[in-house]
PDB file of N, CA and C in Angstrom:
ATOM      1  N   MET A   1       0.797  -1.191  -0.077  1.00  0.00           N
ATOM      2  CA  MET A   1      -0.036   0.011  -0.049  1.00  0.00           C
ATOM      3  C   MET A   1       0.882   1.274   0.008  1.00  0.00           C
ATOM      4  N   ALA A   2       0.915   1.874  -1.136  1.00  0.00           N
ATOM      5  CA  ALA A   2       1.832   3.005  -1.179  1.00  0.00           C
ATOM      6  C   ALA A   2       1.160   4.204  -0.496  1.00  0.00           C
ATOM      7  N   LEU A   3      -0.154   4.342  -0.532  1.00  0.00           N
ATOM      8  CA  LEU A   3      -0.754   5.403   0.204  1.00  0.00           C
ATOM      9  C   LEU A   3      -0.638   5.372   1.648  1.00  0.00           C
ATOM     10  N   GLY A   4      -0.801   4.172   2.261  1.00  0.00           N
ATOM     11  CA  GLY A   4      -0.513   4.042   3.677  1.00  0.00           C
ATOM     12  C   GLY A   4       0.872   4.399   4.121  1.00  0.00           C
ATOM     13  N   GLN A   5       1.823   3.969   3.248  1.00  0.00           N
ATOM     14  CA  GLN A   5       3.196   4.363   3.636  1.00  0.00           C
ATOM     15  C   GLN A   5       3.478   5.913   3.492  1.00  0.00           C
ATOM     16  N   TYR A   6       2.819   6.434   2.527  1.00  0.00           N
ATOM     17  CA  TYR A   6       2.933   7.936   2.220  1.00  0.00           C
ATOM     18  C   TYR A   6       2.402   8.698   3.364  1.00  0.00           C
ATOM     19  N   LEU A   7       1.200   8.298   3.949  1.00  0.00           N
ATOM     20  CA  LEU A   7       0.648   8.917   5.108  1.00  0.00           C
ATOM     21  C   LEU A   7       1.489   8.784   6.382  1.00  0.00           C
ATOM     22  N   LYS A   8       2.019   7.544   6.526  1.00  0.00           N
ATOM     23  CA  LYS A   8       2.979   7.412   7.733  1.00  0.00           C
ATOM     24  C   LYS A   8       4.281   8.262   7.666  1.00  0.00           C
ATOM     25  N   ASP A   9       4.775   8.310   6.428  1.00  0.00           N
ATOM     26  CA  ASP A   9       6.007   9.280   6.284  1.00  0.00           C
ATOM     27  C   ASP A   9       5.629  10.731   6.452  1.00  0.00           C
ATOM     28  N   THR A  10       4.464  11.091   6.025  1.00  0.00           N
ATOM     29  CA  THR A  10       3.988  12.553   6.140  1.00  0.00           C
ATOM     30  C   THR A  10       3.888  12.755   7.544  1.00  0.00           C
ATOM     31  N   GLN A  11       3.264  11.855   8.361  1.00  0.00           N
ATOM     32  CA  GLN A  11       3.009  12.135   9.798  1.00  0.00           C
ATOM     33  C   GLN A  11       4.359  12.183  10.504  1.00  0.00           C
ATOM     34  N   ALA A  12       5.313  11.408  10.060  1.00  0.00           N
ATOM     35  CA  ALA A  12       6.676  11.409  10.745  1.00  0.00           C
ATOM     36  C   ALA A  12       7.350  12.763  10.434  1.00  0.00           C
ATOM     37  N   GLU A  13       7.214  13.155   9.215  1.00  0.00           N
ATOM     38  CA  GLU A  13       7.801  14.576   8.945  1.00  0.00           C
ATOM     39  C   GLU A  13       7.211  15.678   9.642  1.00  0.00           C
ATOM     40  N   LEU A  14       5.933  15.687   9.792  1.00  0.00           N
ATOM     41  CA  LEU A  14       5.208  16.705  10.554  1.00  0.00           C
ATOM     42  C   LEU A  14       5.650  16.838  12.035  1.00  0.00           C
ATOM     43  N   ARG A  15       6.120  15.671  12.536  1.00  0.00           N
ATOM     44  CA  ARG A  15       6.657  15.777  13.932  1.00  0.00           C
ATOM     45  C   ARG A  15       7.919  16.613  14.032  1.00  0.00           C
ATOM     46  N   HIS A  16       8.681  16.715  12.957  1.00  0.00           N
ATOM     47  CA  HIS A  16       9.879  17.500  12.914  1.00  0.00           C
ATOM     48  C   HIS A  16       9.744  18.905  12.649  1.00  0.00           C
ATOM     49  N   VAL A  17       8.517  19.274  12.334  1.00  0.00           N
ATOM     50  CA  VAL A  17       8.333  20.686  11.933  1.00  0.00           C
ATOM     51  C   VAL A  17       8.264  21.626  13.195  1.00  0.00           C
ATOM     52  N   ALA A  18       8.966  22.715  13.174  1.00  0.00           N
ATOM     53  CA  ALA A  18       8.948  23.575  14.305  1.00  0.00           C
ATOM     54  C   ALA A  18       7.756  24.535  14.077  1.00  0.00           C
ATOM     55  N   TRP A  19       6.604  24.248  14.741  1.00  0.00           N
ATOM     56  CA  TRP A  19       5.499  25.089  14.604  1.00  0.00           C
ATOM     57  C   TRP A  19       5.568  26.370  15.381  1.00  0.00           C
ATOM     58  N   PRO A  20       5.086  27.489  14.887  1.00  0.00           N
ATOM     59  CA  PRO A  20       5.134  28.624  15.578  1.00  0.00           C
ATOM     60  C   PRO A  20       4.177  28.772  16.897  1.00  0.00           C
ATOM     61  N   THR A  21       4.524  29.425  17.747  1.00  0.00           N
ATOM     62  CA  THR A  21       3.643  29.590  18.977  1.00  0.00           C
ATOM     63  C   THR A  21       2.378  30.434  18.675  1.00  0.00           C
ATOM     64  N   ARG A  22       1.437  30.430  19.505  1.00  0.00           N
ATOM     65  CA  ARG A  22       0.262  31.188  19.387  1.00  0.00           C
ATOM     66  C   ARG A  22       0.662  32.681  19.222  1.00  0.00           C
ATOM     67  N   SER A  23       1.464  33.153  20.145  1.00  0.00           N
ATOM     68  CA  SER A  23       1.810  34.588  20.030  1.00  0.00           C
ATOM     69  C   SER A  23       2.610  34.953  18.798  1.00  0.00           C
ATOM     70  N   GLN A  24       3.466  34.044  18.327  1.00  0.00           N
ATOM     71  CA  GLN A  24       4.212  34.321  16.985  1.00  0.00           C
ATOM     72  C   GLN A  24       3.153  34.338  15.832  1.00  0.00           C
ATOM     73  N   THR A  25       2.238  33.527  15.823  1.00  0.00           N
ATOM     74  CA  THR A  25       1.242  33.429  14.845  1.00  0.00           C
ATOM     75  C   THR A  25       0.335  34.715  14.819  1.00  0.00           C
ATOM     76  N   ILE A  26      -0.028  35.252  16.004  1.00  0.00           N
ATOM     77  CA  ILE A  26      -0.765  36.464  16.041  1.00  0.00           C
ATOM     78  C   ILE A  26       0.082  37.626  15.591  1.00  0.00           C
ATOM     79  N   ILE A  27       1.395  37.674  16.028  1.00  0.00           N
ATOM     80  CA  ILE A  27       2.260  38.820  15.590  1.00  0.00           C
ATOM     81  C   ILE A  27       2.563  38.812  14.067  1.00  0.00           C
ATOM     82  N   TYR A  28       2.782  37.587  13.528  1.00  0.00           N
ATOM     83  CA  TYR A  28       2.965  37.564  12.037  1.00  0.00           C
ATOM     84  C   TYR A  28       1.667  37.905  11.277  1.00  0.00           C
ATOM     85  N   THR A  29       0.638  37.495  11.884  1.00  0.00           N
ATOM     86  CA  THR A  29      -0.755  37.904  11.272  1.00  0.00           C
ATOM     87  C   THR A  29      -0.991  39.432  11.149  1.00  0.00           C
ATOM     88  N   VAL A  30      -0.650  40.055  12.377  1.00  0.00           N
ATOM     89  CA  VAL A  30      -0.826  41.502  12.435  1.00  0.00           C
ATOM     90  C   VAL A  30       0.214  42.211  11.512  1.00  0.00           C
ATOM     91  N   MET A  31       1.437  41.680  11.464  1.00  0.00           N
ATOM     92  CA  MET A  31       2.481  42.244  10.554  1.00  0.00           C
ATOM     93  C   MET A  31       2.062  42.155   9.027  1.00  0.00           C
ATOM     94  N   VAL A  32       1.489  40.993   8.635  1.00  0.00           N
ATOM     95  CA  VAL A  32       1.020  40.779   7.225  1.00  0.00           C
ATOM     96  C   VAL A  32      -0.104  41.781   6.914  1.00  0.00           C
ATOM     97  N   ALA A  33      -1.040  42.020   7.913  1.00  0.00           N
ATOM     98  CA  ALA A  33      -2.185  42.864   7.659  1.00  0.00           C
ATOM     99  C   ALA A  33      -1.630  44.252   7.625  1.00  0.00           C
ATOM    100  N   LEU A  34      -0.773  44.734   8.417  1.00  0.00           N
ATOM    101  CA  LEU A  34      -0.256  46.045   8.444  1.00  0.00           C
ATOM    102  C   LEU A  34       0.513  46.301   7.109  1.00  0.00           C
ATOM    103  N   VAL A  35       1.395  45.446   6.693  1.00  0.00           N
ATOM    104  CA  VAL A  35       2.150  45.663   5.466  1.00  0.00           C
ATOM    105  C   VAL A  35       1.202  45.735   4.237  1.00  0.00           C
ATOM    106  N   SER A  36       0.097  44.842   4.253  1.00  0.00           N
ATOM    107  CA  SER A  36      -0.838  44.839   3.211  1.00  0.00           C
ATOM    108  C   SER A  36      -1.549  46.287   3.113  1.00  0.00           C
ATOM    109  N   ILE A  37      -1.899  46.751   4.328  1.00  0.00           N
ATOM    110  CA  ILE A  37      -2.576  48.059   4.313  1.00  0.00           C
ATOM    111  C   ILE A  37      -1.584  49.126   3.839  1.00  0.00           C
ATOM    112  N   LEU A  38      -0.385  49.151   4.280  1.00  0.00           N
ATOM    113  CA  LEU A  38       0.636  50.129   3.838  1.00  0.00           C
ATOM    114  C   LEU A  38       0.813  50.137   2.326  1.00  0.00           C
ATOM    115  N   VAL A  39       0.861  48.956   1.741  1.00  0.00           N
ATOM    116  CA  VAL A  39       1.118  48.805   0.372  1.00  0.00           C
ATOM    117  C   VAL A  39      -0.092  49.282  -0.366  1.00  0.00           C
ATOM    118  N   ALA A  40      -1.301  49.059   0.122  1.00  0.00           N
ATOM    119  CA  ALA A  40      -2.509  49.462  -0.537  1.00  0.00           C
ATOM    120  C   ALA A  40      -2.625  51.046  -0.429  1.00  0.00           C
ATOM    121  N   ILE A  41      -2.176  51.629   0.639  1.00  0.00           N
ATOM    122  CA  ILE A  41      -2.145  53.090   0.743  1.00  0.00           C
ATOM    123  C   ILE A  41      -1.148  53.700  -0.161  1.00  0.00           C
ATOM    124  N   TYR A  42       0.107  53.073  -0.266  1.00  0.00           N
ATOM    125  CA  TYR A  42       1.160  53.464  -1.165  1.00  0.00           C
ATOM    126  C   TYR A  42       0.599  53.513  -2.574  1.00  0.00           C
ATOM    127  N   LEU A  43       0.125  52.392  -3.018  1.00  0.00           N
ATOM    128  CA  LEU A  43      -0.383  52.209  -4.483  1.00  0.00           C
ATOM    129  C   LEU A  43      -1.515  53.263  -4.694  1.00  0.00           C
ATOM    130  N   GLY A  44      -2.384  53.264  -3.776  1.00  0.00           N
ATOM    131  CA  GLY A  44      -3.568  54.146  -3.907  1.00  0.00           C
ATOM    132  C   GLY A  44      -3.074  55.638  -4.031  1.00  0.00           C
ATOM    133  N   PHE A  45      -2.108  56.012  -3.324  1.00  0.00           N
ATOM    134  CA  PHE A  45      -1.531  57.415  -3.330  1.00  0.00           C
ATOM    135  C   PHE A  45      -1.018  57.630  -4.819  1.00  0.00           C
ATOM    136  N   PHE A  46      -0.267  56.775  -5.276  1.00  0.00           N
ATOM    137  CA  PHE A  46       0.227  57.002  -6.566  1.00  0.00           C
ATOM    138  C   PHE A  46      -0.729  56.891  -7.745  1.00  0.00           C
ATOM    139  N   ASP A  47      -1.635  56.078  -7.498  1.00  0.00           N
ATOM    140  CA  ASP A  47      -2.760  55.959  -8.405  1.00  0.00           C
ATOM    141  C   ASP A  47      -3.635  57.290  -8.468  1.00  0.00           C
ATOM    142  N   TYR A  48      -3.810  57.852  -7.396  1.00  0.00           N
ATOM    143  CA  TYR A  48      -4.497  59.154  -7.305  1.00  0.00           C
ATOM    144  C   TYR A  48      -3.634  60.315  -8.053  1.00  0.00           C
ATOM    145  N   ILE A  49      -2.381  60.286  -7.735  1.00  0.00           N
ATOM    146  CA  ILE A  49      -1.491  61.231  -8.305  1.00  0.00           C
ATOM    147  C   ILE A  49      -1.508  61.203  -9.852  1.00  0.00           C
ATOM    148  N   PHE A  50      -1.294  59.937 -10.365  1.00  0.00           N
ATOM    149  CA  PHE A  50      -1.184  59.809 -11.817  1.00  0.00           C
ATOM    150  C   PHE A  50      -2.674  60.108 -12.501  1.00  0.00           C
ATOM    151  N   THR A  51      -3.621  59.624 -11.820  1.00  0.00           N
ATOM    152  CA  THR A  51      -4.921  59.857 -12.402  1.00  0.00           C
ATOM    153  C   THR A  51      -5.264  61.375 -12.399  1.00  0.00           C
ATOM    154  N   THR A  52      -5.017  62.019 -11.352  1.00  0.00           N
ATOM    155  CA  THR A  52      -5.315  63.502 -11.295  1.00  0.00           C
ATOM    156  C   THR A  52      -4.427  64.256 -12.338  1.00  0.00           C
ATOM    157  N   GLY A  53      -3.075  63.860 -12.408  1.00  0.00           N
ATOM    158  CA  GLY A  53      -2.223  64.421 -13.270  1.00  0.00           C
ATOM    159  C   GLY A  53      -2.629  64.272 -14.792  1.00  0.00           C
ATOM    160  N   LEU A  54      -2.976  63.111 -15.083  1.00  0.00           N
ATOM    161  CA  LEU A  54      -3.497  62.733 -16.428  1.00  0.00           C
ATOM    162  C   LEU A  54      -4.812  63.496 -16.847  1.00  0.00           C
ATOM    163  N   SER A  55      -5.671  63.518 -15.905  1.00  0.00           N
ATOM    164  CA  SER A  55      -6.980  64.270 -16.212  1.00  0.00           C
ATOM    165  C   SER A  55      -6.788  65.723 -16.390  1.00  0.00           C
ATOM    166  N   ARG A  56      -5.770  66.355 -15.594  1.00  0.00           N
ATOM    167  CA  ARG A  56      -5.393  67.821 -15.749  1.00  0.00           C
ATOM    168  C   ARG A  56      -4.759  68.023 -16.997  1.00  0.00           C
ATOM    169  N   PHE A  57      -3.882  67.012 -17.401  1.00  0.00           N
ATOM    170  CA  PHE A  57      -3.152  67.199 -18.740  1.00  0.00           C
ATOM    171  C   PHE A  57      -4.155  67.108 -19.884  1.00  0.00           C
ATOM    172  N   LEU A  58      -5.199  66.209 -19.824  1.00  0.00           N
ATOM    173  CA  LEU A  58      -6.138  66.057 -20.907  1.00  0.00           C
ATOM    174  C   LEU A  58      -7.048  67.273 -21.014  1.00  0.00           C
ATOM    175  N   THR A  59      -7.210  67.973 -19.902  1.00  0.00           N
ATOM    176  CA  THR A  59      -8.076  69.185 -20.034  1.00  0.00           C
ATOM    177  C   THR A  59      -7.374  70.343 -20.701  1.00  0.00           C
ATOM    178  N   VAL A  60      -6.045  70.283 -20.658  1.00  0.00           N
ATOM    179  CA  VAL A  60      -5.218  71.275 -21.324  1.00  0.00           C
ATOM    180  C   VAL A  60      -5.078  71.119 -22.675  1.00  0.00           C
ATOM    181  N   LEU A  61      -5.208  69.931 -23.257  1.00  0.00           N
ATOM    182  CA  LEU A  61      -5.120  69.673 -24.667  1.00  0.00           C
ATOM    183  C   LEU A  61      -6.263  70.252 -25.445  1.00  0.00           C
ATOM    184  N   PRO A  62      -5.935  70.797 -26.650  1.00  0.00           N
ATOM    185  CA  PRO A  62      -7.047  71.347 -27.501  1.00  0.00           C
ATOM    186  C   PRO A  62      -8.001  70.255 -27.948  1.00  0.00           C
ATOM    187  N   THR A  63      -9.177  70.617 -27.968  1.00  0.00           N
ATOM    188  CA  THR A  63     -10.245  69.690 -28.315  1.00  0.00           C
ATOM    189  C   THR A  63     -10.499  69.782 -29.806  1.00  0.00           C
ATOM    190  N   THR A  64     -10.730  68.741 -30.537  1.00  0.00           N
ATOM    191  CA  THR A  64     -11.012  68.762 -31.892  1.00  0.00           C
ATOM    192  C   THR A  64     -12.380  67.991 -32.150  1.00  0.00           C
ATOM    193  N   ASN A  65     -12.953  68.410 -33.227  1.00  0.00           N
ATOM    194  CA  ASN A  65     -14.302  67.755 -33.536  1.00  0.00           C
ATOM    195  C   ASN A  65     -13.966  66.371 -33.961  1.00  0.00           C
ATOM    196  N   PRO A  66     -14.701  65.415 -33.397  1.00  0.00           N
ATOM    197  CA  PRO A  66     -14.491  64.043 -33.805  1.00  0.00           C
ATOM    198  C   PRO A  66     -15.013  63.799 -35.194  1.00  0.00           C
ATOM    199  N   ILE A  67     -14.351  62.861 -35.887  1.00  0.00           N
ATOM    200  CA  ILE A  67     -14.895  62.448 -37.290  1.00  0.00           C
ATOM    201  C   ILE A  67     -16.073  61.702 -37.078  1.00  0.00           C
ATOM    202  N   GLU A  68     -17.002  62.084 -37.866  1.00  0.00           N
ATOM    203  CA  GLU A  68     -18.280  61.367 -37.724  1.00  0.00           C
ATOM    204  C   GLU A  68     -18.421  60.365 -38.955  1.00  0.00           C
ATOM    205  N   VAL A  69     -18.597  59.159 -38.640  1.00  0.00           N
ATOM    206  CA  VAL A  69     -18.758  58.149 -39.618  1.00  0.00           C
ATOM    207  C   VAL A  69     -20.143  57.624 -39.619  1.00  0.00           C
ATOM    208  N   THR A  70     -20.893  57.680 -40.728  1.00  0.00           N
ATOM    209  CA  THR A  70     -22.182  57.116 -40.781  1.00  0.00           C
ATOM    210  C   THR A  70     -22.253  56.048 -41.794  1.00  0.00           C
ATOM    211  N   GLN A  71     -23.035  54.977 -41.451  1.00  0.00           N
ATOM    212  CA  GLN A  71     -23.094  53.840 -42.358  1.00  0.00           C
ATOM    213  C   GLN A  71     -24.553  53.395 -42.336  1.00  0.00           C
ATOM    214  N   ASN A  72     -25.089  53.167 -43.597  1.00  0.00           N
ATOM    215  CA  ASN A  72     -26.343  52.566 -43.641  1.00  0.00           C
ATOM    216  C   ASN A  72     -26.295  51.050 -43.521  1.00  0.00           C
ATOM    217  N   PRO A  73     -27.367  50.456 -42.897  1.00  0.00           N
ATOM    218  CA  PRO A  73     -27.353  49.024 -42.775  1.00  0.00           C
ATOM    219  C   PRO A  73     -27.475  48.418 -44.191  1.00  0.00           C
ATOM    220  N   ILE A  74     -27.083  47.221 -44.331  1.00  0.00           N
ATOM    221  CA  ILE A  74     -27.112  46.621 -45.694  1.00  0.00           C
ATOM    222  C   ILE A  74     -28.527  46.333 -46.070  1.00  0.00           C
ATOM    223  N   GLY A  75     -28.816  46.684 -47.343  1.00  0.00           N
ATOM    224  CA  GLY A  75     -30.112  46.497 -47.946  1.00  0.00           C
ATOM    225  C   GLY A  75     -31.024  47.716 -47.832  1.00  0.00           C
ATOM    226  N   THR A  76     -30.734  48.765 -47.120  1.00  0.00           N
ATOM    227  CA  THR A  76     -31.644  49.876 -46.958  1.00  0.00           C
ATOM    228  C   THR A  76     -31.495  50.971 -48.051  1.00  0.00           C
ATOM    229  N   SER A  77     -30.409  50.910 -48.728  1.00  0.00           N
ATOM    230  CA  SER A  77     -30.248  51.883 -49.795  1.00  0.00           C
ATOM    231  C   SER A  77     -29.349  51.254 -50.833  1.00  0.00           C
ATOM    232  N   THR A  78     -29.520  51.861 -52.060  1.00  0.00           N
ATOM    233  CA  THR A  78     -28.741  51.290 -53.112  1.00  0.00           C
ATOM    234  C   THR A  78     -27.640  52.250 -53.415  1.00  0.00           C
ATOM    235  N   PRO A  79     -26.439  51.825 -53.661  1.00  0.00           N
ATOM    236  CA  PRO A  79     -25.404  52.729 -53.955  1.00  0.00           C
ATOM    237  C   PRO A  79     -25.576  53.538 -55.283  1.00  0.00           C
ATOM    238  N   GLU A  80     -25.136  54.720 -55.277  1.00  0.00           N
ATOM    239  CA  GLU A  80     -25.249  55.494 -56.415  1.00  0.00           C
ATOM    240  C   GLU A  80     -24.025  55.594 -57.133  1.00  0.00           C
ATOM    241  N   PHE A  81     -23.937  55.201 -58.359  1.00  0.00           N
ATOM    242  CA  PHE A  81     -22.707  55.271 -59.269  1.00  0.00           C
ATOM    243  C   PHE A  81     -22.976  56.080 -60.493  1.00  0.00           C
ATOM    244  N   ASN A  82     -22.178  56.956 -60.799  1.00  0.00           N
ATOM    245  CA  ASN A  82     -22.255  57.659 -62.104  1.00  0.00           C
ATOM    246  C   ASN A  82     -21.364  56.937 -63.044  1.00  0.00           C
ATOM    247  N   VAL A  83     -21.932  55.973 -63.768  1.00  0.00           N
ATOM    248  CA  VAL A  83     -21.276  55.247 -64.776  1.00  0.00           C
ATOM    249  C   VAL A  83     -21.548  55.816 -66.175  1.00  0.00           C
ATOM    250  N   THR A  84     -20.490  56.185 -66.874  1.00  0.00           N
ATOM    251  CA  THR A  84     -20.663  56.587 -68.168  1.00  0.00           C
ATOM    252  C   THR A  84     -19.962  55.512 -69.038  1.00  0.00           C
ATOM    253  N   PRO A  85     -20.716  55.077 -70.108  1.00  0.00           N
ATOM    254  CA  PRO A  85     -20.080  54.086 -71.030  1.00  0.00           C
ATOM    255  C   PRO A  85     -18.849  54.595 -71.737  1.00  0.00           C
ATOM    256  N   VAL A  86     -17.967  53.803 -71.794  1.00  0.00           N
ATOM    257  CA  VAL A  86     -16.734  54.150 -72.512  1.00  0.00           C
ATOM    258  C   VAL A  86     -16.802  53.406 -73.803  1.00  0.00           C
ATOM    259  N   THR A  87     -16.640  54.207 -74.886  1.00  0.00           N
ATOM    260  CA  THR A  87     -16.568  53.709 -76.200  1.00  0.00           C
ATOM    261  C   THR A  87     -15.231  53.933 -76.856  1.00  0.00           C
ATOM    262  N   THR A  88     -14.809  52.917 -77.395  1.00  0.00           N
ATOM    263  CA  THR A  88     -13.473  53.126 -78.137  1.00  0.00           C
ATOM    264  C   THR A  88     -13.740  52.705 -79.572  1.00  0.00           C
ATOM    265  N   GLU A  89     -13.151  53.455 -80.388  1.00  0.00           N
ATOM    266  CA  GLU A  89     -13.295  53.196 -81.826  1.00  0.00           C
ATOM    267  C   GLU A  89     -11.960  52.645 -82.353  1.00  0.00           C
ATOM    268  N   ILE A  90     -12.141  51.557 -83.097  1.00  0.00           N
ATOM    269  CA  ILE A  90     -10.956  50.931 -83.677  1.00  0.00           C
ATOM    270  C   ILE A  90     -10.844  51.451 -85.125  1.00  0.00           C
ATOM    271  N   GLN A  91      -9.730  52.035 -85.529  1.00  0.00           N
ATOM    272  CA  GLN A  91      -9.595  52.535 -86.842  1.00  0.00           C
ATOM    273  C   GLN A  91      -8.730  51.668 -87.672  1.00  0.00           C
TER     274      GLN A  91
END
Protein backbone atom coordinates (compact mmCIF):
# COMPACT_ATOMS: atom_id res chain seq x y z
CA MET A 1 0.00 0.00 0.00
CA ALA A 2 1.78 3.05 -1.23
CA LEU A 3 -0.86 5.42 0.14
CA GLY A 4 -0.56 4.06 3.69
CA GLN A 5 3.23 4.38 3.62
CA TYR A 6 2.94 7.91 2.26
CA LEU A 7 0.63 8.93 5.12
CA LYS A 8 2.99 7.40 7.72
CA ASP A 9 5.97 9.24 6.23
CA THR A 10 4.03 12.49 6.13
CA GLN A 11 3.03 12.13 9.77
CA ALA A 12 6.66 11.43 10.73
CA GLU A 13 7.85 14.54 8.87
CA LEU A 14 5.21 16.71 10.53
CA ARG A 15 6.62 15.75 13.93
CA HIS A 16 9.93 17.42 12.93
CA VAL A 17 8.30 20.72 11.96
CA ALA A 18 8.97 23.66 14.29
CA TRP A 19 5.45 25.06 14.60
CA PRO A 20 5.13 28.72 15.62
CA THR A 21 3.65 29.53 18.99
CA ARG A 22 0.28 31.20 19.36
CA SER A 23 1.86 34.60 20.06
CA GLN A 24 4.18 34.29 17.02
CA THR A 25 1.20 33.46 14.81
CA ILE A 26 -0.72 36.49 16.07
CA ILE A 27 2.29 38.80 15.61
CA TYR A 28 2.95 37.53 12.07
CA THR A 29 -0.72 37.88 11.15
CA VAL A 30 -0.80 41.48 12.39
CA MET A 31 2.45 42.23 10.52
CA VAL A 32 1.05 40.84 7.26
CA ALA A 33 -2.15 42.86 7.69
CA LEU A 34 -0.20 46.08 8.38
CA VAL A 35 2.14 45.59 5.43
CA SER A 36 -0.84 44.89 3.18
CA ILE A 37 -2.58 48.07 4.33
CA LEU A 38 0.59 50.14 3.86
CA VAL A 39 1.12 48.78 0.34
CA ALA A 40 -2.53 49.53 -0.51
CA ILE A 41 -2.15 53.12 0.75
CA TYR A 42 1.12 53.52 -1.16
CA LEU A 43 -0.35 52.24 -4.43
CA GLY A 44 -3.57 54.19 -3.93
CA PHE A 45 -1.60 57.40 -3.39
CA PHE A 46 0.34 57.02 -6.64
CA ASP A 47 -2.80 55.97 -8.50
CA TYR A 48 -4.49 59.16 -7.30
CA ILE A 49 -1.49 61.30 -8.30
CA PHE A 50 -1.22 59.80 -11.79
CA THR A 51 -4.97 59.86 -12.41
CA THR A 52 -5.25 63.49 -11.31
CA GLY A 53 -2.22 64.48 -13.35
CA LEU A 54 -3.49 62.73 -16.45
CA SER A 55 -6.96 64.26 -16.19
CA ARG A 56 -5.48 67.73 -15.76
CA PHE A 57 -3.17 67.14 -18.72
CA LEU A 58 -6.09 66.05 -20.89
CA THR A 59 -8.09 69.17 -20.03
CA VAL A 60 -5.20 71.32 -21.26
CA LEU A 61 -5.07 69.64 -24.67
CA PRO A 62 -7.02 71.36 -27.45
CA THR A 63 -10.24 69.63 -28.37
CA THR A 64 -11.01 68.73 -31.94
CA ASN A 65 -14.27 67.77 -33.53
CA PRO A 66 -14.49 64.02 -33.79
CA ILE A 67 -14.79 62.48 -37.22
CA GLU A 68 -18.33 61.35 -37.75
CA VAL A 69 -18.74 58.12 -39.64
CA THR A 70 -22.18 57.09 -40.75
CA GLN A 71 -23.05 53.83 -42.38
CA ASN A 72 -26.38 52.61 -43.63
CA PRO A 73 -27.37 49.04 -42.83
CA ILE A 74 -27.09 46.56 -45.68
CA GLY A 75 -30.10 46.52 -47.96
CA THR A 76 -31.61 49.86 -46.94
CA SER A 77 -30.23 51.89 -49.80
CA THR A 78 -28.72 51.31 -53.16
CA PRO A 79 -25.34 52.74 -53.99
CA GLU A 80 -25.29 55.56 -56.45
CA PHE A 81 -22.75 55.25 -59.22
CA ASN A 82 -22.25 57.65 -62.06
CA VAL A 83 -21.28 55.25 -64.77
CA THR A 84 -20.65 56.61 -68.21
CA PRO A 85 -20.12 54.08 -70.97
CA VAL A 86 -16.68 54.12 -72.48
CA THR A 87 -16.63 53.68 -76.21
CA THR A 88 -13.48 53.04 -78.11
CA GLU A 89 -13.29 53.19 -81.82
CA ILE A 90 -10.92 50.96 -83.67
CA GLN A 91 -9.62 52.48 -86.86
